[in-house]
N, C-alpha and C. Protein backbone atom coordinates (compact mmCIF):
# COMPACT_ATOMS: atom_id res chain seq x y z
N MET A 1 111.92 50.54 -18.70
CA MET A 1 112.85 50.87 -19.14
C MET A 1 113.54 49.65 -20.27
N SER A 2 112.80 48.89 -20.32
CA SER A 2 112.84 48.20 -21.53
C SER A 2 112.75 48.57 -22.91
N GLU A 3 111.59 49.03 -22.65
CA GLU A 3 111.45 49.88 -23.85
C GLU A 3 112.42 50.65 -24.55
N TRP A 4 113.02 51.55 -23.56
CA TRP A 4 114.46 52.27 -24.07
C TRP A 4 115.57 51.45 -24.65
N LEU A 5 115.59 50.46 -23.81
CA LEU A 5 116.72 49.63 -24.18
C LEU A 5 116.35 48.72 -25.78
N ALA A 6 115.39 48.38 -25.68
CA ALA A 6 115.24 47.92 -27.06
C ALA A 6 115.27 49.45 -28.27
N PHE A 7 114.84 50.51 -27.94
CA PHE A 7 114.51 51.45 -28.82
C PHE A 7 116.25 51.90 -28.72
N PHE A 8 117.11 51.63 -28.02
CA PHE A 8 118.59 52.29 -28.33
C PHE A 8 118.86 50.70 -29.32
N GLN A 9 119.06 49.65 -29.17
CA GLN A 9 118.96 48.61 -29.94
C GLN A 9 118.86 48.68 -31.57
N GLU A 10 117.71 49.38 -31.50
CA GLU A 10 116.94 49.64 -32.82
C GLU A 10 117.79 50.73 -33.57
N VAL A 11 118.28 51.75 -32.60
CA VAL A 11 119.29 53.01 -32.82
C VAL A 11 120.05 52.37 -33.68
N LEU A 12 120.97 51.70 -32.67
CA LEU A 12 122.13 51.25 -32.91
C LEU A 12 122.22 49.96 -34.57
N GLU A 13 121.34 49.29 -34.66
CA GLU A 13 120.99 49.03 -35.77
C GLU A 13 120.89 49.41 -36.90
N TYR A 14 120.45 51.00 -36.68
CA TYR A 14 119.78 51.73 -37.84
C TYR A 14 121.04 52.61 -37.67
N GLY A 15 122.18 52.88 -37.30
CA GLY A 15 123.44 53.65 -37.11
C GLY A 15 123.91 53.67 -38.24
N PRO A 16 124.13 53.30 -39.07
CA PRO A 16 124.47 53.52 -40.48
C PRO A 16 124.04 54.29 -41.45
N ALA A 17 122.66 54.21 -41.43
CA ALA A 17 122.01 54.96 -42.18
C ALA A 17 122.12 56.56 -41.70
N LEU A 18 121.67 56.26 -40.19
CA LEU A 18 121.54 57.60 -39.27
C LEU A 18 123.04 58.48 -39.57
N LEU A 19 123.85 57.70 -39.89
CA LEU A 19 125.42 58.83 -39.56
C LEU A 19 125.08 59.26 -41.27
N ALA A 20 125.25 58.33 -41.99
CA ALA A 20 125.03 58.66 -43.52
C ALA A 20 124.17 59.95 -43.57
N GLY A 21 122.98 60.11 -42.81
CA GLY A 21 122.01 61.59 -43.25
C GLY A 21 122.48 62.50 -42.26
N LEU A 22 123.29 62.01 -40.82
CA LEU A 22 124.00 63.11 -40.27
C LEU A 22 125.15 63.73 -41.22
N GLY A 23 125.94 62.56 -42.26
CA GLY A 23 127.36 63.28 -42.52
C GLY A 23 126.37 64.34 -43.71
N ASN A 24 125.42 63.89 -44.67
CA ASN A 24 124.55 64.38 -45.51
C ASN A 24 124.10 65.85 -45.17
N THR A 25 123.39 66.00 -43.65
CA THR A 25 123.52 67.28 -42.98
C THR A 25 124.41 68.25 -42.77
N LEU A 26 125.31 67.73 -42.41
CA LEU A 26 126.67 68.43 -42.00
C LEU A 26 127.40 69.20 -43.47
N LEU A 27 127.26 68.25 -44.57
CA LEU A 27 127.67 68.88 -45.50
C LEU A 27 127.11 69.75 -46.06
N LEU A 28 125.48 69.86 -46.07
CA LEU A 28 124.55 71.15 -46.32
C LEU A 28 125.18 72.27 -45.68
N ALA A 29 124.85 72.14 -44.45
CA ALA A 29 124.89 73.17 -43.29
C ALA A 29 126.48 73.97 -43.42
N VAL A 30 127.25 73.02 -43.44
CA VAL A 30 128.90 73.82 -43.91
C VAL A 30 128.90 74.18 -45.48
N THR A 31 128.28 73.88 -46.09
CA THR A 31 128.31 74.14 -47.45
C THR A 31 127.56 75.54 -47.72
N VAL A 32 126.82 75.62 -46.94
CA VAL A 32 125.87 76.54 -47.28
C VAL A 32 125.79 78.01 -46.82
N SER A 33 126.70 77.46 -45.12
CA SER A 33 127.37 78.64 -44.68
C SER A 33 128.78 79.27 -45.12
N LEU A 34 129.04 78.48 -45.93
CA LEU A 34 130.53 79.20 -46.68
C LEU A 34 129.87 80.02 -47.72
N THR A 35 129.01 79.55 -48.42
CA THR A 35 128.39 79.58 -49.77
C THR A 35 127.43 81.27 -49.55
N GLY A 36 126.83 80.86 -48.51
CA GLY A 36 125.66 82.04 -47.76
C GLY A 36 126.92 83.28 -47.55
N LEU A 37 127.56 83.22 -46.89
CA LEU A 37 128.85 84.34 -46.28
C LEU A 37 129.45 85.00 -47.63
N LEU A 38 130.12 83.91 -48.33
CA LEU A 38 130.43 84.53 -49.35
C LEU A 38 129.62 85.52 -50.48
N ALA A 39 128.43 84.95 -50.47
CA ALA A 39 127.33 85.62 -51.81
C ALA A 39 126.98 86.66 -50.34
N GLY A 40 126.98 86.52 -49.49
CA GLY A 40 126.93 87.83 -48.47
C GLY A 40 127.26 88.99 -48.65
N ILE A 41 128.35 88.30 -48.60
CA ILE A 41 129.62 89.58 -48.64
C ILE A 41 129.36 90.58 -50.38
N GLY A 42 129.17 89.72 -51.12
CA GLY A 42 129.59 90.01 -52.58
C GLY A 42 127.81 91.07 -52.46
N VAL A 43 127.07 90.73 -51.62
CA VAL A 43 125.65 91.19 -51.96
C VAL A 43 125.73 92.54 -51.10
N PHE A 44 126.25 92.30 -49.93
CA PHE A 44 126.50 93.44 -48.89
C PHE A 44 127.45 94.54 -49.63
N TYR A 45 128.14 94.34 -50.35
CA TYR A 45 129.10 95.43 -51.24
C TYR A 45 128.34 96.34 -52.40
N LEU A 46 127.10 95.51 -52.82
CA LEU A 46 126.33 96.22 -53.66
C LEU A 46 125.21 97.14 -52.79
N THR A 47 124.91 96.65 -51.69
CA THR A 47 123.89 97.63 -50.95
C THR A 47 124.41 99.09 -50.13
N ILE A 48 126.02 98.81 -50.32
CA ILE A 48 126.83 100.16 -50.42
C ILE A 48 127.35 100.51 -51.67
N SER A 49 126.83 100.34 -52.90
CA SER A 49 127.57 100.69 -54.04
C SER A 49 126.83 102.23 -54.17
N PRO A 50 127.88 103.05 -54.78
CA PRO A 50 127.48 104.54 -55.15
C PRO A 50 126.69 104.80 -56.24
N HIS A 51 126.15 103.67 -56.62
CA HIS A 51 125.27 103.84 -57.97
C HIS A 51 123.75 103.67 -57.12
N SER A 52 122.55 104.79 -57.00
CA SER A 52 121.51 104.38 -56.68
C SER A 52 120.93 103.09 -57.38
N VAL A 53 121.09 103.02 -58.81
CA VAL A 53 119.93 101.93 -59.34
C VAL A 53 120.36 100.30 -58.74
N THR A 54 121.81 100.60 -58.66
CA THR A 54 122.52 98.94 -58.08
C THR A 54 121.68 98.96 -56.40
N ARG A 55 121.86 100.16 -55.37
CA ARG A 55 121.41 99.57 -54.17
C ARG A 55 119.84 99.73 -54.43
N ARG A 56 118.84 100.08 -55.42
CA ARG A 56 117.73 100.16 -55.07
C ARG A 56 117.41 98.41 -55.52
N LEU A 57 118.42 97.99 -56.45
CA LEU A 57 117.99 96.56 -56.78
C LEU A 57 118.58 95.49 -56.33
N THR A 58 119.58 95.80 -55.34
CA THR A 58 119.97 94.75 -54.40
C THR A 58 118.66 95.06 -52.99
N ASP A 59 118.49 96.06 -52.91
CA ASP A 59 117.22 95.84 -51.81
C ASP A 59 116.06 95.45 -51.97
N ALA A 60 115.74 95.25 -53.24
CA ALA A 60 114.74 94.44 -54.02
C ALA A 60 114.89 92.91 -53.72
N TYR A 61 116.21 92.76 -53.98
CA TYR A 61 116.70 91.20 -53.54
C TYR A 61 116.62 90.92 -52.11
N LEU A 62 116.80 91.46 -51.40
CA LEU A 62 117.22 91.48 -49.87
C LEU A 62 115.57 91.26 -49.57
N SER A 63 114.49 92.22 -49.77
CA SER A 63 113.33 92.32 -49.27
C SER A 63 112.59 90.83 -49.91
N PHE A 64 112.77 90.42 -51.38
CA PHE A 64 112.18 89.35 -51.76
C PHE A 64 113.15 88.08 -51.00
N PHE A 65 113.96 87.86 -50.37
CA PHE A 65 114.40 86.82 -50.39
C PHE A 65 114.31 86.47 -48.79
N ILE A 66 114.60 87.46 -48.11
CA ILE A 66 114.34 87.69 -46.49
C ILE A 66 113.03 87.53 -46.68
N GLY A 67 112.02 88.13 -47.28
CA GLY A 67 110.50 87.80 -46.93
C GLY A 67 109.89 86.52 -47.75
N THR A 68 110.35 85.99 -48.73
CA THR A 68 110.06 84.66 -48.68
C THR A 68 110.42 83.49 -47.82
N PRO A 69 109.64 82.53 -47.23
CA PRO A 69 109.88 81.67 -46.44
C PRO A 69 110.80 80.21 -47.69
N LEU A 70 111.90 79.81 -46.78
CA LEU A 70 112.72 79.06 -47.63
C LEU A 70 112.63 77.99 -48.19
N ILE A 71 111.41 77.44 -47.53
CA ILE A 71 110.60 76.14 -48.24
C ILE A 71 109.89 76.67 -49.63
N VAL A 72 109.31 77.86 -49.63
CA VAL A 72 108.99 78.14 -50.84
C VAL A 72 109.97 77.81 -51.94
N LEU A 73 111.01 78.39 -51.68
CA LEU A 73 112.20 78.77 -53.13
C LEU A 73 112.57 77.42 -53.17
N LEU A 74 112.66 76.91 -52.20
CA LEU A 74 113.10 75.31 -52.63
C LEU A 74 112.16 74.02 -53.45
N PHE A 75 110.79 74.41 -52.76
CA PHE A 75 109.85 73.60 -53.54
C PHE A 75 109.37 74.24 -55.46
N LEU A 76 109.52 75.61 -55.33
CA LEU A 76 109.70 76.51 -56.68
C LEU A 76 110.89 76.00 -57.42
N MET A 77 111.90 75.58 -57.10
CA MET A 77 112.83 75.22 -57.70
C MET A 77 113.17 73.49 -57.96
N TYR A 78 112.61 72.81 -56.87
CA TYR A 78 112.61 71.22 -57.10
C TYR A 78 111.57 70.69 -57.95
N TYR A 79 110.24 71.63 -57.71
CA TYR A 79 109.01 70.90 -58.00
C TYR A 79 108.35 71.78 -59.62
N GLY A 80 108.95 73.16 -59.36
CA GLY A 80 108.72 74.05 -60.51
C GLY A 80 109.25 74.12 -61.85
N LEU A 81 110.95 73.95 -61.79
CA LEU A 81 111.74 73.82 -62.69
C LEU A 81 111.63 72.68 -63.91
N PRO A 82 111.53 71.11 -63.49
CA PRO A 82 111.42 70.55 -64.33
C PRO A 82 110.23 70.49 -65.05
N PRO A 83 108.79 70.71 -64.93
CA PRO A 83 108.26 71.22 -66.02
C PRO A 83 108.69 72.00 -67.13
N LEU A 84 109.70 72.72 -66.58
CA LEU A 84 110.48 73.79 -67.82
C LEU A 84 111.72 73.24 -68.24
N GLY A 85 111.81 72.04 -68.12
CA GLY A 85 113.06 71.33 -68.67
C GLY A 85 113.90 71.34 -67.78
N LEU A 86 114.17 71.81 -66.67
CA LEU A 86 115.31 71.78 -66.01
C LEU A 86 115.27 71.15 -64.24
N ARG A 87 116.11 69.86 -64.43
CA ARG A 87 115.75 69.14 -63.42
C ARG A 87 117.19 69.33 -62.69
N LEU A 88 117.32 69.16 -61.08
CA LEU A 88 118.20 69.43 -60.39
C LEU A 88 117.96 68.61 -59.25
N SER A 89 119.17 68.26 -59.03
CA SER A 89 119.20 67.31 -57.88
C SER A 89 119.13 67.78 -56.55
N PRO A 90 118.45 66.94 -55.30
CA PRO A 90 117.74 67.76 -54.16
C PRO A 90 119.06 68.36 -53.68
N LEU A 91 120.11 67.91 -53.35
CA LEU A 91 121.15 68.46 -52.87
C LEU A 91 121.49 70.08 -53.61
N THR A 92 121.55 69.96 -54.91
CA THR A 92 121.68 71.38 -55.66
C THR A 92 121.02 72.42 -55.16
N VAL A 93 119.43 71.60 -55.34
CA VAL A 93 118.45 72.76 -54.96
C VAL A 93 118.66 73.09 -53.37
N ALA A 94 119.19 72.33 -52.66
CA ALA A 94 118.97 72.96 -51.52
C ALA A 94 120.50 74.03 -51.42
N ILE A 95 121.29 73.80 -52.11
CA ILE A 95 122.48 74.56 -51.65
C ILE A 95 122.11 75.98 -52.54
N ILE A 96 121.13 75.86 -53.99
CA ILE A 96 121.03 77.33 -54.37
C ILE A 96 120.27 77.95 -53.54
N GLY A 97 119.37 77.24 -52.77
CA GLY A 97 117.72 78.06 -52.21
C GLY A 97 118.76 78.34 -50.90
N PHE A 98 119.44 77.93 -50.31
CA PHE A 98 119.83 78.47 -49.12
C PHE A 98 120.78 79.31 -49.21
N THR A 99 121.69 79.50 -50.43
CA THR A 99 122.62 80.44 -50.65
C THR A 99 122.15 81.59 -50.61
N PHE A 100 120.90 81.73 -51.69
CA PHE A 100 120.38 82.99 -52.29
C PHE A 100 119.64 83.50 -50.51
N ASN A 101 119.03 82.45 -49.83
CA ASN A 101 118.47 83.12 -48.70
C ASN A 101 119.29 83.54 -47.40
N VAL A 102 120.50 83.08 -47.00
CA VAL A 102 121.29 83.00 -46.46
C VAL A 102 121.97 84.10 -46.61
N ALA A 103 122.88 84.41 -48.10
CA ALA A 103 123.23 85.37 -48.53
C ALA A 103 122.24 86.75 -48.23
N ALA A 104 121.29 86.85 -48.38
CA ALA A 104 120.28 88.19 -47.69
C ALA A 104 120.52 88.14 -46.77
N TYR A 105 120.43 87.56 -45.70
CA TYR A 105 120.55 88.01 -43.91
C TYR A 105 122.01 88.29 -43.65
N ASN A 106 122.79 87.40 -44.24
CA ASN A 106 124.22 87.91 -43.96
C ASN A 106 124.64 89.25 -44.50
N ALA A 107 124.09 89.68 -45.69
CA ALA A 107 124.37 90.99 -46.26
C ALA A 107 123.67 92.35 -45.37
N ARG A 108 122.40 91.89 -44.78
CA ARG A 108 121.68 92.65 -43.92
C ARG A 108 122.23 93.18 -42.68
N TYR A 109 123.10 91.56 -42.11
CA TYR A 109 123.81 91.94 -40.90
C TYR A 109 125.08 92.88 -41.40
N LEU A 110 125.96 92.22 -42.14
CA LEU A 110 127.00 93.07 -42.71
C LEU A 110 126.69 94.74 -43.03
N ARG A 111 125.46 95.27 -43.59
CA ARG A 111 125.26 96.64 -44.02
C ARG A 111 124.76 96.97 -42.47
N ILE A 112 124.27 96.30 -41.16
CA ILE A 112 124.05 97.07 -40.27
C ILE A 112 125.03 97.25 -39.14
N ALA A 113 126.01 96.43 -39.29
CA ALA A 113 127.40 96.75 -38.78
C ALA A 113 128.28 97.66 -39.52
N TYR A 114 127.88 98.08 -41.26
CA TYR A 114 128.88 98.86 -41.75
C TYR A 114 128.11 100.33 -41.10
N HIS A 115 126.87 100.49 -40.66
CA HIS A 115 126.69 102.05 -40.19
C HIS A 115 127.49 102.11 -38.81
N GLY A 116 127.83 101.16 -38.27
CA GLY A 116 128.99 101.10 -36.72
C GLY A 116 130.17 101.74 -37.20
N ILE A 117 130.35 101.50 -38.40
CA ILE A 117 131.95 102.02 -38.96
C ILE A 117 132.30 103.54 -38.56
N ASP A 118 133.00 104.29 -37.97
CA ASP A 118 133.64 105.45 -38.22
C ASP A 118 133.56 106.25 -39.39
N PRO A 119 132.68 107.26 -40.02
CA PRO A 119 132.77 107.44 -41.03
C PRO A 119 134.27 107.93 -41.51
N GLY A 120 134.81 108.90 -40.23
CA GLY A 120 136.07 109.50 -40.52
C GLY A 120 136.87 108.57 -41.14
N GLU A 121 137.33 107.20 -40.71
CA GLU A 121 137.56 106.46 -41.55
C GLU A 121 137.88 105.68 -42.56
N LEU A 122 136.77 106.08 -43.21
CA LEU A 122 136.20 105.68 -44.81
C LEU A 122 136.52 106.95 -45.00
N GLU A 123 136.42 108.27 -45.28
CA GLU A 123 136.69 109.39 -45.59
C GLU A 123 138.48 109.79 -45.59
N ALA A 124 139.32 108.86 -44.34
CA ALA A 124 140.43 109.35 -44.66
C ALA A 124 140.96 108.41 -45.73
N ALA A 125 140.34 107.12 -46.46
CA ALA A 125 140.43 106.20 -47.00
C ALA A 125 140.36 106.47 -48.52
N ARG A 126 139.09 107.65 -48.58
CA ARG A 126 138.86 107.83 -49.91
C ARG A 126 140.02 109.03 -50.58
N ALA A 127 140.02 109.87 -49.32
CA ALA A 127 141.10 111.15 -49.33
C ALA A 127 142.66 111.01 -49.76
N GLN A 128 143.16 109.15 -49.30
CA GLN A 128 144.32 108.97 -49.56
C GLN A 128 144.26 108.14 -51.46
N GLY A 129 142.93 108.49 -51.97
CA GLY A 129 142.91 108.34 -53.52
C GLY A 129 142.73 106.66 -53.78
N PHE A 130 141.88 106.11 -52.28
CA PHE A 130 141.67 104.60 -52.44
C PHE A 130 140.09 104.76 -53.42
N THR A 131 140.34 103.55 -54.24
CA THR A 131 138.92 103.23 -55.02
C THR A 131 137.88 103.20 -54.15
N HIS A 132 136.21 102.83 -54.76
CA HIS A 132 135.57 102.23 -53.84
C HIS A 132 135.73 100.94 -53.46
N LEU A 133 136.20 100.22 -54.34
CA LEU A 133 136.56 98.44 -54.03
C LEU A 133 137.27 98.60 -53.22
N GLU A 134 138.52 99.25 -52.90
CA GLU A 134 139.71 99.18 -52.14
C GLU A 134 139.40 99.69 -50.81
N VAL A 135 138.55 100.70 -50.82
CA VAL A 135 138.03 101.14 -48.96
C VAL A 135 136.99 100.12 -48.66
N PHE A 136 136.63 99.42 -49.99
CA PHE A 136 135.43 98.20 -49.35
C PHE A 136 136.29 97.18 -48.85
N ARG A 137 137.32 96.71 -49.46
CA ARG A 137 138.32 95.64 -49.18
C ARG A 137 139.53 95.36 -47.90
N LEU A 138 139.99 96.96 -47.86
CA LEU A 138 140.83 96.97 -46.71
C LEU A 138 140.17 97.97 -45.30
N VAL A 139 138.83 98.60 -45.54
CA VAL A 139 138.41 99.08 -44.56
C VAL A 139 136.91 98.89 -44.21
N THR A 140 136.31 98.82 -45.24
CA THR A 140 134.87 98.21 -44.89
C THR A 140 134.33 97.27 -44.33
N LEU A 141 135.04 95.84 -45.28
CA LEU A 141 134.64 94.56 -45.19
C LEU A 141 135.17 94.01 -43.85
N PRO A 142 136.92 94.25 -43.19
CA PRO A 142 137.16 93.43 -42.41
C PRO A 142 136.61 94.17 -40.68
N GLN A 143 136.29 95.67 -41.10
CA GLN A 143 135.59 96.13 -39.88
C GLN A 143 133.84 95.25 -39.51
N ALA A 144 133.18 95.60 -40.89
CA ALA A 144 131.93 95.11 -40.61
C ALA A 144 131.78 93.42 -40.14
N LEU A 145 132.85 92.81 -40.77
CA LEU A 145 132.86 91.29 -40.13
C LEU A 145 133.27 91.26 -38.67
N ARG A 146 134.19 92.06 -38.11
CA ARG A 146 134.25 91.85 -36.85
C ARG A 146 133.30 92.10 -36.00
N MET A 147 132.45 93.20 -36.45
CA MET A 147 131.30 93.57 -35.78
C MET A 147 130.36 92.54 -35.78
N ALA A 148 129.72 92.02 -36.79
CA ALA A 148 128.66 90.94 -37.25
C ALA A 148 128.99 89.49 -37.12
N ALA A 149 130.52 89.19 -37.17
CA ALA A 149 130.46 87.52 -36.59
C ALA A 149 130.20 86.99 -35.56
N VAL A 150 130.24 87.74 -34.81
CA VAL A 150 129.44 87.36 -33.59
C VAL A 150 128.65 88.61 -32.58
N PRO A 151 127.35 88.76 -32.50
CA PRO A 151 126.78 86.80 -32.68
C PRO A 151 125.93 86.58 -34.14
N ALA A 152 125.67 87.70 -34.80
CA ALA A 152 124.91 87.60 -35.94
C ALA A 152 124.92 86.26 -36.79
N LEU A 153 126.29 86.39 -37.24
CA LEU A 153 126.70 85.29 -38.11
C LEU A 153 126.95 84.09 -37.50
N THR A 154 127.00 83.76 -36.36
CA THR A 154 127.23 82.77 -36.13
C THR A 154 125.67 82.04 -35.71
N ASN A 155 125.06 83.00 -35.28
CA ASN A 155 123.45 82.73 -35.34
C ASN A 155 122.69 82.44 -36.66
N GLN A 156 123.46 83.00 -37.75
CA GLN A 156 122.93 82.15 -38.60
C GLN A 156 123.02 80.94 -39.17
N ALA A 157 124.55 80.54 -38.94
CA ALA A 157 125.37 79.58 -39.04
C ALA A 157 124.42 78.35 -38.15
N ILE A 158 123.59 78.84 -37.14
CA ILE A 158 122.83 77.71 -36.46
C ILE A 158 121.76 77.55 -36.60
N LEU A 159 120.94 78.75 -37.66
CA LEU A 159 119.84 78.71 -38.48
C LEU A 159 120.04 77.68 -39.34
N ASN A 160 121.09 77.40 -40.26
CA ASN A 160 121.38 77.15 -41.33
C ASN A 160 121.15 75.51 -40.95
N LEU A 161 122.00 74.95 -40.01
CA LEU A 161 122.33 73.92 -39.42
C LEU A 161 120.34 73.49 -38.99
N LYS A 162 119.67 74.13 -38.44
CA LYS A 162 118.66 73.55 -37.68
C LYS A 162 117.60 73.82 -39.24
N ASP A 163 117.89 74.58 -39.98
CA ASP A 163 116.80 74.55 -41.75
C ASP A 163 116.86 73.17 -42.20
N SER A 164 118.07 73.03 -42.37
CA SER A 164 118.30 71.68 -42.98
C SER A 164 117.46 70.87 -42.74
N SER A 165 116.73 70.79 -41.87
CA SER A 165 115.78 69.60 -41.50
C SER A 165 114.73 69.71 -42.73
N VAL A 166 114.43 70.83 -43.10
CA VAL A 166 113.15 70.85 -44.11
C VAL A 166 113.64 70.22 -45.22
N VAL A 167 114.95 69.83 -45.66
CA VAL A 167 114.83 69.52 -47.13
C VAL A 167 114.83 68.09 -47.05
N PHE A 168 114.00 67.35 -46.53
CA PHE A 168 113.58 66.07 -46.39
C PHE A 168 112.75 65.99 -47.48
N LEU A 169 111.72 67.26 -47.43
CA LEU A 169 110.89 67.67 -48.34
C LEU A 169 110.91 67.70 -49.86
N ILE A 170 112.48 67.82 -50.30
CA ILE A 170 112.23 67.69 -51.48
C ILE A 170 113.52 66.26 -52.04
N GLN A 171 113.36 65.65 -50.91
CA GLN A 171 113.76 64.13 -51.17
C GLN A 171 115.26 64.22 -50.72
N TYR A 172 115.70 64.98 -50.32
CA TYR A 172 117.28 65.05 -50.02
C TYR A 172 117.30 63.84 -48.20
N THR A 173 118.09 63.34 -48.08
CA THR A 173 118.00 62.09 -47.52
C THR A 173 119.12 62.62 -46.01
N GLU A 174 118.64 63.89 -45.35
CA GLU A 174 119.54 64.04 -44.37
C GLU A 174 119.38 63.45 -43.11
N PHE A 175 119.51 63.85 -41.98
CA PHE A 175 119.90 63.48 -40.55
C PHE A 175 118.19 63.29 -39.90
N PHE A 176 117.41 64.37 -40.31
CA PHE A 176 116.03 63.94 -39.71
C PHE A 176 115.35 63.41 -40.90
N ALA A 177 115.49 63.14 -42.22
CA ALA A 177 114.85 62.23 -42.73
C ALA A 177 115.02 60.81 -42.44
N GLN A 178 116.48 60.59 -41.94
CA GLN A 178 116.83 59.36 -41.92
C GLN A 178 115.74 58.86 -40.07
N VAL A 179 115.93 59.71 -38.93
CA VAL A 179 115.15 59.77 -37.79
C VAL A 179 113.49 59.35 -38.22
N GLN A 180 112.98 60.06 -39.16
CA GLN A 180 111.82 59.66 -39.58
C GLN A 180 111.65 58.16 -40.10
N GLU A 181 112.58 58.15 -40.56
CA GLU A 181 112.58 56.60 -40.92
C GLU A 181 112.39 55.68 -39.78
N LEU A 182 113.54 55.81 -38.97
CA LEU A 182 113.48 54.95 -37.76
C LEU A 182 112.21 55.24 -36.95
N ALA A 183 111.71 56.75 -36.97
CA ALA A 183 110.43 56.43 -36.00
C ALA A 183 109.71 55.65 -36.87
N ALA A 184 109.27 55.75 -37.79
CA ALA A 184 108.34 54.61 -38.54
C ALA A 184 108.59 53.35 -38.81
N SER A 185 109.65 52.60 -38.61
CA SER A 185 110.30 51.38 -38.46
C SER A 185 109.18 50.77 -37.16
N ASN A 186 109.70 51.92 -36.19
CA ASN A 186 108.88 51.10 -34.76
C ASN A 186 107.96 51.61 -34.22
N PHE A 187 107.55 52.57 -34.51
CA PHE A 187 106.30 53.49 -34.14
C PHE A 187 106.77 54.32 -33.07
N GLN A 188 108.24 54.55 -32.50
CA GLN A 188 108.16 55.05 -31.16
C GLN A 188 109.16 56.44 -31.92
N TYR A 189 107.71 57.27 -31.82
CA TYR A 189 107.97 58.58 -32.38
C TYR A 189 108.69 59.49 -31.46
N PHE A 190 108.37 59.72 -30.14
CA PHE A 190 109.15 60.85 -28.52
C PHE A 190 110.23 60.09 -28.84
N LYS A 191 110.74 58.55 -28.67
CA LYS A 191 112.03 59.00 -28.38
C LYS A 191 112.71 58.71 -29.66
N ALA A 192 112.52 58.66 -31.28
CA ALA A 192 113.15 59.08 -31.86
C ALA A 192 113.47 60.66 -32.17
N TYR A 193 112.34 61.41 -31.75
CA TYR A 193 112.39 62.92 -32.04
C TYR A 193 113.26 63.38 -31.04
N LEU A 194 113.18 62.79 -29.91
CA LEU A 194 113.91 63.03 -29.02
C LEU A 194 115.23 63.08 -29.20
N LEU A 195 115.79 61.75 -29.70
CA LEU A 195 117.45 61.77 -30.12
C LEU A 195 117.46 62.65 -30.79
N ALA A 196 116.53 63.20 -32.11
CA ALA A 196 116.81 63.88 -32.82
C ALA A 196 116.96 65.50 -32.32
N GLY A 197 116.54 65.76 -31.32
CA GLY A 197 116.48 67.03 -30.35
C GLY A 197 117.70 66.97 -29.91
N LEU A 198 118.05 65.93 -29.44
CA LEU A 198 119.41 65.79 -28.73
C LEU A 198 120.64 66.09 -29.51
N VAL A 199 120.56 65.36 -30.54
CA VAL A 199 121.92 65.72 -31.70
C VAL A 199 122.12 66.87 -32.10
N TYR A 200 120.54 67.42 -32.46
CA TYR A 200 121.00 68.90 -32.99
C TYR A 200 121.48 69.84 -31.81
N LEU A 201 121.12 69.57 -30.54
CA LEU A 201 121.46 70.41 -29.27
C LEU A 201 122.75 70.39 -29.44
N LEU A 202 123.40 68.96 -29.66
CA LEU A 202 125.05 68.73 -29.52
C LEU A 202 125.66 69.71 -30.76
N LEU A 203 124.94 69.53 -31.91
CA LEU A 203 126.03 70.18 -32.57
C LEU A 203 125.65 71.75 -32.32
N VAL A 204 124.41 72.30 -31.93
CA VAL A 204 124.28 73.77 -31.94
C VAL A 204 125.22 74.49 -30.77
N SER A 205 125.64 73.30 -29.90
CA SER A 205 126.48 73.91 -28.74
C SER A 205 128.12 73.68 -29.08
N PHE A 206 128.32 72.80 -30.32
CA PHE A 206 129.59 72.91 -30.52
C PHE A 206 129.60 74.32 -31.39
N ILE A 207 128.97 74.38 -31.95
CA ILE A 207 129.07 75.81 -33.15
C ILE A 207 129.19 77.22 -32.16
N VAL A 208 128.21 76.79 -30.98
CA VAL A 208 128.53 78.13 -30.12
C VAL A 208 129.76 78.24 -29.66
N LEU A 209 130.40 76.93 -29.34
CA LEU A 209 131.61 76.83 -28.69
C LEU A 209 133.01 77.05 -29.57
N LEU A 210 132.52 77.03 -30.35
CA LEU A 210 133.83 77.08 -31.45
C LEU A 210 133.94 78.78 -31.86
N ALA A 211 132.49 79.31 -31.92
CA ALA A 211 132.35 80.74 -32.15
C ALA A 211 133.04 81.48 -30.96
N ARG A 212 133.09 81.08 -29.92
CA ARG A 212 133.49 81.64 -28.69
C ARG A 212 134.98 81.60 -28.80
N HIS A 213 135.36 80.58 -29.17
CA HIS A 213 136.76 80.32 -29.24
C HIS A 213 137.26 81.11 -30.43
N LEU A 214 136.86 81.21 -31.39
CA LEU A 214 137.39 82.05 -32.71
C LEU A 214 137.40 83.76 -32.06
N GLU A 215 136.32 84.17 -31.42
CA GLU A 215 136.10 85.49 -30.73
C GLU A 215 137.26 85.97 -29.77
N ARG A 216 137.69 85.18 -28.96
CA ARG A 216 138.92 84.94 -28.22
C ARG A 216 139.88 85.25 -28.85
N THR A 217 140.25 84.19 -29.41
CA THR A 217 141.55 83.89 -29.95
C THR A 217 142.04 84.41 -31.85
N VAL A 218 140.99 85.02 -32.10
CA VAL A 218 141.15 85.71 -33.94
C VAL A 218 140.50 87.31 -33.53
N LEU A 219 139.20 87.47 -33.44
CA LEU A 219 138.78 88.80 -33.19
C LEU A 219 138.87 89.59 -32.15
N ARG A 220 139.00 89.67 -31.06
CA ARG A 220 139.32 90.00 -30.03
C ARG A 220 140.76 90.86 -30.12
N PRO A 221 142.06 90.07 -30.62
CA PRO A 221 143.08 90.78 -30.75
C PRO A 221 143.22 91.48 -32.09
N LEU A 222 142.51 91.70 -32.91
CA LEU A 222 142.33 92.51 -34.39
C LEU A 222 141.61 94.07 -33.64
N LEU A 223 140.64 93.83 -32.80
CA LEU A 223 139.83 95.01 -32.48
C LEU A 223 140.59 96.11 -31.47
């Protein structure tokens, strides 16, 4: 018991650094969830382009970024670009790498949802003279978002939060990096990592509850 009390005392002393790291984690997770969603919508639009060349190029993009581990993308930009004369900050590298990766997954979720849309609705919109972009904006995208928002996009937001723990490898001082500093200072690795796990669990639970609330109050009335 005394060991736990001593550990909690050290956590309180290290509190400002932990909170700063948690703030960096939330900044990254929220930013890439938004940029990944917006970019994913753009990529989704290209996947259903009437031009076959565009669709093939977009499929190649999806295959590459879904098939390539995120950490490889981060290392490629953070450690591979400086010798070529381009040096980016850890946060910039993280946002770019996550956005390309998350956009590919979100586009895939939306395209799967697209196949569940009644083809008659799309044909009716085209028969009224709507352009491809207008059909996408007024019919395709709203319905695809409703069908993919829960649980696929929610799961992606959770993955963004959890995957943010790898960016300490490119010197971005997020929450997990600060937890490692705490663990190294007192050699209480089990307690420190248990604390990290509980914090991530609380954050994931908040995302799930928020998604359920949005589903009840926003999405269901629109269906």
